[in-house]
Amino acid sequence: MSRVIKFEKNDCVPCDQVSAFLDEKGVSYERINPFDDPELAVKYKVRTVPTVLVLDGEVVQQRIIGFRPDELQGIAQ
């Protein structure tokens, strides 16, 4: 089973759009603020928010940067 992590920060409109999309599609995900957990952000080379990672174990299977509904739809299935 894949694990979905969404890197976000407060007051980020695209971050809110991604959350609303994933919530509407029923996708379970973890919310991480890269400023609160910089080690995890460095580990996965997250440089901007929102960034959604689909992980298989520790391996990144998919990386979506920004609000990209067509790409997000792929993980909502």
Protein backbone atom coordinates (compact mmCIF):
# COMPACT_ATOMS: atom_id res chain seq x y z
CA MET A 1 0.00 0.00 0.00
CA SER A 2 1.31 3.42 -0.93
CA ARG A 3 1.78 6.21 1.56
CA VAL A 4 0.90 9.77 0.53
CA ILE A 5 2.64 12.73 2.17
CA LYS A 6 1.68 16.33 1.47
CA PHE A 7 4.21 19.01 2.35
CA GLU A 8 2.41 22.27 3.08
CA LYS A 9 2.50 25.45 5.12
CA ASN A 10 -0.13 27.74 6.62
CA ASP A 11 -1.58 30.53 4.47
CA CYS A 12 -0.75 28.72 1.22
CA VAL A 13 -3.65 28.85 -1.24
CA PRO A 14 -2.32 26.09 -3.55
CA CYS A 15 -1.76 23.91 -0.45
CA ASP A 16 -5.42 24.37 0.49
CA GLN A 17 -6.49 23.54 -3.09
CA VAL A 18 -4.51 20.29 -2.99
CA SER A 19 -6.02 19.36 0.39
CA ALA A 20 -9.55 20.07 -0.83
CA PHE A 21 -8.97 17.95 -3.95
CA LEU A 22 -7.51 15.00 -2.02
CA ASP A 23 -10.23 15.23 0.65
CA GLU A 24 -12.96 15.27 -2.03
CA LYS A 25 -11.46 12.17 -3.65
CA GLY A 26 -11.13 10.36 -0.31
CA VAL A 27 -7.33 10.08 -0.45
CA SER A 28 -5.66 9.50 2.92
CA TYR A 29 -2.50 11.54 3.38
CA GLU A 30 -0.13 12.89 5.99
CA ARG A 31 0.35 16.65 6.32
CA ILE A 32 3.90 17.82 6.95
CA ASN A 33 5.10 21.39 7.35
CA PRO A 34 8.69 21.35 6.02
CA PHE A 35 9.59 24.17 8.40
CA ASP A 36 8.52 22.03 11.36
CA ASP A 37 10.22 18.88 10.03
CA PRO A 38 13.19 20.09 7.95
CA GLU A 39 14.98 16.73 8.16
CA LEU A 40 12.12 14.98 6.38
CA ALA A 41 11.97 17.74 3.78
CA VAL A 42 15.70 17.36 3.12
CA LYS A 43 15.42 13.57 2.99
CA TYR A 44 12.82 13.78 0.20
CA LYS A 45 14.36 16.88 -1.45
CA VAL A 46 11.26 19.02 -0.98
CA ARG A 47 12.05 22.60 -1.99
CA THR A 48 8.58 24.11 -2.42
CA VAL A 49 5.03 23.68 -1.19
CA PRO A 50 2.73 22.13 -1.91
CA THR A 51 4.58 18.96 -2.77
CA VAL A 52 2.76 15.63 -2.72
CA LEU A 53 4.81 12.45 -2.56
CA VAL A 54 3.54 8.94 -3.17
CA LEU A 55 5.85 6.52 -1.40
CA ASP A 56 6.32 2.79 -1.62
CA GLY A 57 8.21 2.16 1.58
CA GLU A 58 10.87 4.87 1.50
CA VAL A 59 10.99 5.11 -2.30
CA VAL A 60 9.29 8.04 -4.03
CA GLN A 61 7.02 6.65 -6.74
CA GLN A 62 5.48 9.98 -7.71
CA ARG A 63 6.16 13.67 -6.95
CA ILE A 64 3.56 16.35 -7.67
CA ILE A 65 4.57 19.96 -7.14
CA GLY A 66 1.84 22.59 -7.01
CA PHE A 67 -1.88 22.16 -7.61
CA ARG A 68 -2.06 19.88 -10.65
CA PRO A 69 -5.51 18.23 -10.69
CA ASP A 70 -4.76 15.90 -13.63
CA GLU A 71 -1.68 14.50 -11.87
CA LEU A 72 -3.45 14.34 -8.50
CA GLN A 73 -6.30 12.42 -10.14
CA GLY A 74 -3.81 9.61 -10.78
CA ILE A 75 -3.31 8.99 -7.08
CA ALA A 76 -7.02 9.33 -6.31
CA GLN A 77 -7.88 6.10 -8.12
